[in-house]
């Protein structure tokens, strides 16, 4: 019984010494790292230039390019409008283009026989496709 107790005590002291040794080893590693020369900012710049460049390129291709493509399609759509095109505005007003000028940014929309509204081209949302013309084409 005493030998078993001594064995356990000896085993505990060995574990305690190995954990203390590990703790001292970690402390010495941290001290060695702390004593190293401070980081050179030029080196940090060289390391970070590649990821930052990749992020900028991804931003251009994922955000700016699709937006400019949709803007050019919108401009092309507004320039293709002509007189007597049935349209709907952003506000939900249905009408027909009564007068359009390529030089100006204004368009006159005929809403009813005696009702005409002057507004900017930019409020035109889409051309109206009537149900009759869509059933005739199918």
N, C-alpha and C. Protein backbone atom coordinates (compact mmCIF):
# COMPACT_ATOMS: atom_id res chain seq x y z
N UNK A 1 0.82 -1.18 0.00
CA UNK A 1 0.00 0.00 0.00
C UNK A 1 0.86 1.25 0.00
N UNK A 2 1.91 1.23 0.75
CA UNK A 2 2.79 2.39 0.80
C UNK A 2 3.49 2.55 -0.55
N UNK A 3 3.84 1.45 -1.18
CA UNK A 3 4.51 1.55 -2.47
C UNK A 3 3.56 2.12 -3.55
N UNK A 4 2.30 1.76 -3.45
CA UNK A 4 1.33 2.31 -4.38
C UNK A 4 1.17 3.81 -4.16
N UNK A 5 1.17 4.23 -2.90
CA UNK A 5 1.07 5.65 -2.58
C UNK A 5 2.29 6.41 -3.09
N UNK A 6 3.48 5.81 -2.89
CA UNK A 6 4.70 6.45 -3.39
C UNK A 6 4.71 6.53 -4.92
N UNK A 7 4.19 5.48 -5.55
CA UNK A 7 4.12 5.48 -7.02
C UNK A 7 3.20 6.61 -7.52
N UNK A 8 2.06 6.76 -6.88
CA UNK A 8 1.14 7.84 -7.26
C UNK A 8 1.75 9.20 -6.99
N UNK A 9 2.43 9.36 -5.89
CA UNK A 9 3.07 10.62 -5.54
C UNK A 9 4.19 10.94 -6.52
N UNK A 10 4.97 9.91 -6.86
CA UNK A 10 6.06 10.09 -7.82
C UNK A 10 5.49 10.44 -9.20
N UNK A 11 4.41 9.76 -9.60
CA UNK A 11 3.76 10.04 -10.89
C UNK A 11 3.21 11.47 -10.93
N UNK A 12 2.61 11.92 -9.84
CA UNK A 12 2.08 13.28 -9.77
C UNK A 12 3.19 14.31 -9.84
N UNK A 13 4.30 14.04 -9.21
CA UNK A 13 5.40 15.01 -9.25
C UNK A 13 6.02 15.07 -10.64
N UNK A 14 6.08 13.93 -11.35
CA UNK A 14 6.60 13.93 -12.72
C UNK A 14 5.67 14.73 -13.62
N UNK A 15 4.35 14.53 -13.47
CA UNK A 15 3.40 15.31 -14.27
C UNK A 15 3.51 16.78 -13.94
N UNK A 16 3.65 17.09 -12.68
CA UNK A 16 3.76 18.47 -12.27
C UNK A 16 5.02 19.10 -12.84
N UNK A 17 6.14 18.36 -12.83
CA UNK A 17 7.39 18.88 -13.38
C UNK A 17 7.30 19.05 -14.88
N UNK A 18 6.63 18.10 -15.58
CA UNK A 18 6.51 18.22 -17.04
C UNK A 18 5.61 19.39 -17.41
N UNK A 19 4.54 19.62 -16.64
CA UNK A 19 3.69 20.77 -16.94
C UNK A 19 4.40 22.07 -16.63
N UNK A 20 5.24 22.07 -15.57
CA UNK A 20 6.02 23.27 -15.26
C UNK A 20 7.05 23.52 -16.36
N UNK A 21 7.66 22.44 -16.85
CA UNK A 21 8.62 22.58 -17.93
C UNK A 21 7.95 23.13 -19.18
N UNK A 22 6.75 22.64 -19.47
CA UNK A 22 6.00 23.14 -20.62
C UNK A 22 5.64 24.61 -20.44
N UNK A 23 5.27 24.98 -19.23
CA UNK A 23 4.93 26.37 -18.94
C UNK A 23 6.16 27.26 -19.11
N UNK A 24 7.32 26.80 -18.62
CA UNK A 24 8.55 27.58 -18.78
C UNK A 24 8.94 27.69 -20.25
N UNK A 25 8.70 26.62 -21.01
CA UNK A 25 9.01 26.64 -22.44
C UNK A 25 8.14 27.66 -23.17
N UNK A 26 6.86 27.68 -22.83
CA UNK A 26 5.96 28.67 -23.46
C UNK A 26 6.37 30.09 -23.10
N UNK A 27 6.71 30.31 -21.85
CA UNK A 27 7.14 31.64 -21.42
C UNK A 27 8.41 32.07 -22.14
N UNK A 28 9.34 31.16 -22.31
CA UNK A 28 10.58 31.53 -22.99
C UNK A 28 10.33 31.81 -24.47
N UNK A 29 9.39 31.10 -25.09
CA UNK A 29 9.04 31.39 -26.49
C UNK A 29 8.42 32.77 -26.61
N UNK A 30 7.49 33.09 -25.69
CA UNK A 30 6.86 34.41 -25.72
C UNK A 30 7.86 35.53 -25.49
N UNK A 31 8.81 35.28 -24.59
CA UNK A 31 9.84 36.29 -24.32
C UNK A 31 10.72 36.49 -25.54
N UNK A 32 11.05 35.40 -26.22
CA UNK A 32 11.88 35.50 -27.42
C UNK A 32 11.15 36.26 -28.52
N UNK A 33 9.86 36.02 -28.64
CA UNK A 33 9.08 36.75 -29.65
C UNK A 33 8.98 38.22 -29.28
N UNK A 34 8.85 38.52 -28.00
CA UNK A 34 8.73 39.91 -27.58
C UNK A 34 10.04 40.66 -27.78
N UNK A 35 11.16 39.96 -27.73
CA UNK A 35 12.46 40.61 -27.88
C UNK A 35 12.87 40.79 -29.33
N UNK A 36 12.11 40.23 -30.25
CA UNK A 36 12.44 40.40 -31.66
C UNK A 36 12.26 41.86 -32.06
N UNK A 37 12.89 42.23 -33.14
CA UNK A 37 12.80 43.60 -33.64
C UNK A 37 11.35 43.90 -34.03
N UNK A 38 10.91 45.14 -33.88
CA UNK A 38 9.54 45.48 -34.28
C UNK A 38 9.34 45.28 -35.77
N UNK A 39 8.09 45.05 -36.16
CA UNK A 39 7.77 44.77 -37.56
C UNK A 39 8.10 45.97 -38.43
N UNK A 40 8.61 45.69 -39.61
CA UNK A 40 8.93 46.73 -40.57
C UNK A 40 7.66 47.04 -41.36
N UNK A 41 7.29 48.33 -41.43
CA UNK A 41 6.05 48.69 -42.11
C UNK A 41 6.13 48.45 -43.61
N UNK A 42 7.29 48.50 -44.19
CA UNK A 42 7.44 48.18 -45.61
C UNK A 42 7.11 46.73 -45.89
N UNK A 43 7.50 45.85 -44.97
CA UNK A 43 7.19 44.44 -45.12
C UNK A 43 5.69 44.20 -45.00
N UNK A 44 5.04 44.89 -44.09
CA UNK A 44 3.59 44.77 -43.94
C UNK A 44 2.90 45.24 -45.22
N UNK A 45 3.38 46.31 -45.78
CA UNK A 45 2.80 46.82 -47.03
C UNK A 45 2.95 45.81 -48.15
N UNK A 46 4.13 45.19 -48.26
CA UNK A 46 4.35 44.20 -49.31
C UNK A 46 3.46 42.98 -49.13
N UNK A 47 3.21 42.60 -47.90
CA UNK A 47 2.37 41.44 -47.64
C UNK A 47 0.90 41.75 -47.94
N UNK A 48 0.44 42.95 -47.65
CA UNK A 48 -0.97 43.31 -47.79
C UNK A 48 -1.35 43.81 -49.18
N UNK A 49 -0.40 44.11 -50.03
CA UNK A 49 -0.72 44.69 -51.34
C UNK A 49 -1.50 43.71 -52.21
N UNK A 50 -1.19 42.43 -52.17
CA UNK A 50 -1.88 41.45 -53.01
C UNK A 50 -3.35 41.28 -52.58
N UNK A 51 -3.66 41.05 -51.30
CA UNK A 51 -5.08 40.90 -50.93
C UNK A 51 -5.89 42.16 -51.18
N UNK A 52 -5.31 43.32 -50.92
CA UNK A 52 -6.04 44.57 -51.16
C UNK A 52 -6.30 44.75 -52.65
N UNK A 53 -5.35 44.44 -53.48
CA UNK A 53 -5.53 44.54 -54.93
C UNK A 53 -6.62 43.59 -55.41
N UNK A 54 -6.62 42.38 -54.88
CA UNK A 54 -7.65 41.40 -55.25
C UNK A 54 -9.03 41.90 -54.83
N UNK A 55 -9.15 42.48 -53.65
CA UNK A 55 -10.44 43.00 -53.20
C UNK A 55 -10.92 44.15 -54.07
N UNK A 56 -10.02 45.02 -54.49
CA UNK A 56 -10.40 46.14 -55.36
C UNK A 56 -10.89 45.62 -56.71
N UNK A 57 -10.18 44.66 -57.28
CA UNK A 57 -10.59 44.10 -58.57
C UNK A 57 -11.95 43.41 -58.45
N UNK A 58 -12.15 42.65 -57.39
CA UNK A 58 -13.45 42.00 -57.18
C UNK A 58 -14.56 43.03 -57.01
N UNK A 59 -14.30 44.11 -56.31
CA UNK A 59 -15.29 45.17 -56.14
C UNK A 59 -15.68 45.76 -57.49
N UNK A 60 -14.70 46.00 -58.34
CA UNK A 60 -14.98 46.57 -59.66
C UNK A 60 -15.85 45.62 -60.48
N UNK A 61 -15.50 44.34 -60.50
CA UNK A 61 -16.24 43.40 -61.32
C UNK A 61 -17.60 43.02 -60.74
N UNK A 62 -17.74 43.04 -59.42
CA UNK A 62 -19.01 42.63 -58.82
C UNK A 62 -19.97 43.77 -58.56
N UNK A 63 -19.48 44.99 -58.44
CA UNK A 63 -20.37 46.11 -58.08
C UNK A 63 -20.46 47.16 -59.19
N UNK A 64 -19.37 47.67 -59.63
CA UNK A 64 -19.37 48.82 -60.55
C UNK A 64 -19.73 48.40 -61.97
N UNK A 65 -19.16 47.34 -62.46
CA UNK A 65 -19.39 46.93 -63.85
C UNK A 65 -20.85 46.57 -64.13
N UNK A 66 -21.53 45.76 -63.32
CA UNK A 66 -22.94 45.46 -63.59
C UNK A 66 -23.82 46.71 -63.54
N UNK A 67 -23.49 47.63 -62.63
CA UNK A 67 -24.29 48.85 -62.52
C UNK A 67 -24.12 49.72 -63.76
N UNK A 68 -22.92 49.82 -64.29
CA UNK A 68 -22.71 50.62 -65.50
C UNK A 68 -23.36 49.94 -66.71
N UNK A 69 -23.39 48.62 -66.73
CA UNK A 69 -24.05 47.90 -67.82
C UNK A 69 -25.55 48.16 -67.79
N UNK A 70 -26.16 48.10 -66.61
CA UNK A 70 -27.59 48.36 -66.52
C UNK A 70 -27.91 49.82 -66.83
N UNK A 71 -27.02 50.74 -66.47
CA UNK A 71 -27.22 52.15 -66.79
C UNK A 71 -27.18 52.37 -68.30
N UNK A 72 -26.26 51.70 -68.99
CA UNK A 72 -26.19 51.87 -70.45
C UNK A 72 -27.41 51.26 -71.14
N UNK A 73 -27.94 50.13 -70.61
CA UNK A 73 -29.16 49.55 -71.17
C UNK A 73 -30.34 50.49 -70.97
N UNK A 74 -30.41 51.14 -69.82
CA UNK A 74 -31.49 52.09 -69.53
C UNK A 74 -31.42 53.29 -70.47
N UNK A 75 -30.24 53.80 -70.70
CA UNK A 75 -30.06 54.93 -71.62
C UNK A 75 -30.45 54.53 -73.04
N UNK A 76 -30.07 53.33 -73.44
CA UNK A 76 -30.44 52.83 -74.76
C UNK A 76 -31.96 52.70 -74.89
N UNK A 77 -32.61 52.21 -73.83
CA UNK A 77 -34.08 52.09 -73.84
C UNK A 77 -34.74 53.46 -73.98
N UNK A 78 -34.29 54.44 -73.21
CA UNK A 78 -34.89 55.77 -73.27
C UNK A 78 -34.66 56.44 -74.62
N UNK A 79 -33.52 56.20 -75.24
CA UNK A 79 -33.25 56.78 -76.56
C UNK A 79 -34.03 56.08 -77.67
N UNK A 80 -34.51 54.86 -77.44
CA UNK A 80 -35.25 54.13 -78.47
C UNK A 80 -36.75 54.45 -78.46
N UNK A 81 -37.21 55.21 -77.49
CA UNK A 81 -38.64 55.55 -77.43
C UNK A 81 -39.02 56.44 -78.60
N UNK A 82 -40.26 56.25 -79.10
CA UNK A 82 -40.74 57.07 -80.21
C UNK A 82 -42.21 57.42 -79.98
N UNK A 83 -42.72 58.28 -80.81
CA UNK A 83 -44.10 58.75 -80.69
C UNK A 83 -45.08 57.57 -80.82
N UNK A 84 -46.17 57.62 -80.06
CA UNK A 84 -47.25 56.63 -80.02
C UNK A 84 -46.85 55.30 -79.36
N UNK A 85 -45.75 55.28 -78.64
CA UNK A 85 -45.39 54.08 -77.86
C UNK A 85 -46.21 54.07 -76.57
N UNK A 86 -46.88 52.94 -76.29
CA UNK A 86 -47.60 52.86 -75.00
C UNK A 86 -46.60 52.60 -73.87
N UNK A 87 -46.68 53.42 -72.82
CA UNK A 87 -45.71 53.34 -71.74
C UNK A 87 -46.40 53.34 -70.38
N UNK A 88 -45.62 53.02 -69.36
CA UNK A 88 -46.03 53.17 -67.98
C UNK A 88 -44.89 53.88 -67.26
N UNK A 89 -45.25 54.82 -66.38
CA UNK A 89 -44.22 55.56 -65.65
C UNK A 89 -43.92 54.88 -64.33
N UNK A 90 -42.91 55.39 -63.66
CA UNK A 90 -42.54 54.87 -62.34
C UNK A 90 -43.69 55.05 -61.36
N UNK A 91 -44.49 56.08 -61.56
CA UNK A 91 -45.61 56.38 -60.67
C UNK A 91 -46.85 55.55 -60.97
N UNK A 92 -46.81 54.75 -62.04
CA UNK A 92 -47.94 53.89 -62.38
C UNK A 92 -48.92 54.54 -63.34
N UNK A 93 -48.54 55.62 -63.98
CA UNK A 93 -49.41 56.29 -64.94
C UNK A 93 -49.23 55.63 -66.31
N UNK A 94 -50.33 55.14 -66.86
CA UNK A 94 -50.31 54.55 -68.19
C UNK A 94 -50.65 55.63 -69.20
N UNK A 95 -49.96 55.61 -70.33
CA UNK A 95 -50.23 56.59 -71.37
C UNK A 95 -49.51 56.24 -72.64
N UNK A 96 -49.62 57.17 -73.59
CA UNK A 96 -48.97 57.03 -74.89
C UNK A 96 -48.12 58.26 -75.12
N UNK A 97 -46.96 58.06 -75.68
CA UNK A 97 -46.07 59.20 -75.93
C UNK A 97 -46.69 60.05 -77.04
N UNK A 98 -46.96 61.31 -76.72
CA UNK A 98 -47.54 62.23 -77.70
C UNK A 98 -46.45 63.05 -78.38
N UNK A 99 -45.44 63.40 -77.64
CA UNK A 99 -44.36 64.20 -78.21
C UNK A 99 -43.07 63.86 -77.47
N UNK A 100 -42.03 63.61 -78.24
CA UNK A 100 -40.73 63.32 -77.65
C UNK A 100 -39.66 63.99 -78.48
N UNK A 101 -38.71 64.56 -77.80
CA UNK A 101 -37.64 65.25 -78.49
C UNK A 101 -36.31 64.61 -78.08
N UNK A 102 -35.51 64.20 -79.04
CA UNK A 102 -34.24 63.56 -78.69
C UNK A 102 -33.25 64.52 -78.02
N UNK A 103 -33.40 65.84 -78.29
CA UNK A 103 -32.47 66.81 -77.73
C UNK A 103 -32.77 67.13 -76.27
N UNK A 104 -34.06 67.11 -75.91
CA UNK A 104 -34.41 67.49 -74.54
C UNK A 104 -34.66 66.25 -73.69
N UNK A 105 -34.82 66.51 -72.40
CA UNK A 105 -35.05 65.43 -71.45
C UNK A 105 -36.53 65.32 -71.11
N UNK A 106 -37.39 66.02 -71.86
CA UNK A 106 -38.83 66.01 -71.58
C UNK A 106 -39.59 65.19 -72.61
N UNK A 107 -40.73 64.69 -72.16
CA UNK A 107 -41.62 63.92 -73.02
C UNK A 107 -43.04 64.32 -72.63
N UNK A 108 -43.93 64.35 -73.62
CA UNK A 108 -45.34 64.62 -73.35
C UNK A 108 -46.10 63.32 -73.50
N UNK A 109 -46.86 62.98 -72.46
CA UNK A 109 -47.60 61.73 -72.44
C UNK A 109 -49.09 62.04 -72.55
N UNK A 110 -49.76 61.34 -73.46
CA UNK A 110 -51.22 61.47 -73.60
C UNK A 110 -51.85 60.38 -72.73
N UNK A 111 -52.56 60.83 -71.69
CA UNK A 111 -53.19 59.90 -70.77
C UNK A 111 -54.62 59.61 -71.21
N UNK A 112 -55.32 60.64 -71.68
CA UNK A 112 -56.69 60.53 -72.15
C UNK A 112 -56.79 61.39 -73.40
N UNK A 113 -57.97 61.46 -74.01
CA UNK A 113 -58.11 62.24 -75.25
C UNK A 113 -57.71 63.70 -75.04
N UNK A 114 -58.10 64.30 -73.95
CA UNK A 114 -57.81 65.72 -73.72
C UNK A 114 -56.80 65.95 -72.60
N UNK A 115 -56.14 64.94 -72.15
CA UNK A 115 -55.20 65.08 -71.04
C UNK A 115 -53.80 64.71 -71.49
N UNK A 116 -52.92 65.69 -71.34
CA UNK A 116 -51.50 65.48 -71.66
C UNK A 116 -50.66 65.90 -70.46
N UNK A 117 -49.61 65.13 -70.20
CA UNK A 117 -48.73 65.41 -69.07
C UNK A 117 -47.30 65.52 -69.59
N UNK A 118 -46.64 66.61 -69.19
CA UNK A 118 -45.23 66.77 -69.53
C UNK A 118 -44.39 66.24 -68.37
N UNK A 119 -43.43 65.41 -68.66
CA UNK A 119 -42.54 64.89 -67.61
C UNK A 119 -41.19 64.54 -68.20
N UNK A 120 -40.27 64.20 -67.32
CA UNK A 120 -38.92 63.83 -67.76
C UNK A 120 -38.93 62.41 -68.33
N UNK A 121 -38.01 62.15 -69.22
CA UNK A 121 -37.88 60.81 -69.80
C UNK A 121 -37.51 59.78 -68.74
N UNK A 122 -36.80 60.21 -67.73
CA UNK A 122 -36.29 59.27 -66.74
C UNK A 122 -37.38 58.62 -65.90
N UNK A 123 -38.62 59.17 -65.90
CA UNK A 123 -39.70 58.55 -65.13
C UNK A 123 -40.39 57.43 -65.91
N UNK A 124 -40.06 57.25 -67.16
CA UNK A 124 -40.67 56.15 -67.94
C UNK A 124 -40.02 54.85 -67.50
N UNK A 125 -40.86 53.94 -67.06
CA UNK A 125 -40.34 52.66 -66.54
C UNK A 125 -40.24 51.60 -67.64
N UNK A 126 -41.30 51.45 -68.44
CA UNK A 126 -41.28 50.37 -69.43
C UNK A 126 -42.31 50.63 -70.51
N UNK A 127 -42.16 49.90 -71.59
CA UNK A 127 -43.19 49.88 -72.62
C UNK A 127 -44.29 48.93 -72.18
N UNK A 128 -45.53 49.28 -72.51
CA UNK A 128 -46.66 48.45 -72.14
C UNK A 128 -46.94 47.50 -73.30
N UNK A 129 -46.97 46.21 -72.99
CA UNK A 129 -47.30 45.21 -73.99
C UNK A 129 -48.75 44.85 -73.75
N UNK A 130 -49.61 45.13 -74.74
CA UNK A 130 -51.03 44.85 -74.56
C UNK A 130 -51.28 43.35 -74.66
N UNK A 131 -52.36 42.91 -74.04
CA UNK A 131 -52.70 41.48 -74.04
C UNK A 131 -53.09 41.02 -75.45
N UNK A 132 -53.69 41.92 -76.23
CA UNK A 132 -54.11 41.55 -77.59
C UNK A 132 -52.92 41.24 -78.47
N UNK A 133 -51.87 42.07 -78.37
CA UNK A 133 -50.70 41.84 -79.23
C UNK A 133 -49.93 40.60 -78.78
N UNK A 134 -49.94 40.31 -77.47
CA UNK A 134 -49.23 39.11 -77.01
C UNK A 134 -49.97 37.84 -77.38
N UNK A 135 -51.32 37.88 -77.46
CA UNK A 135 -52.07 36.69 -77.86
C UNK A 135 -52.00 36.48 -79.36
N UNK A 136 -51.84 37.54 -80.12
CA UNK A 136 -51.74 37.42 -81.59
C UNK A 136 -50.40 36.81 -81.98
N UNK A 137 -49.36 37.09 -81.21
CA UNK A 137 -48.04 36.57 -81.58
C UNK A 137 -47.87 35.11 -81.21
N UNK A 138 -48.69 34.60 -80.27
CA UNK A 138 -48.54 33.19 -79.87
C UNK A 138 -49.43 32.26 -80.62
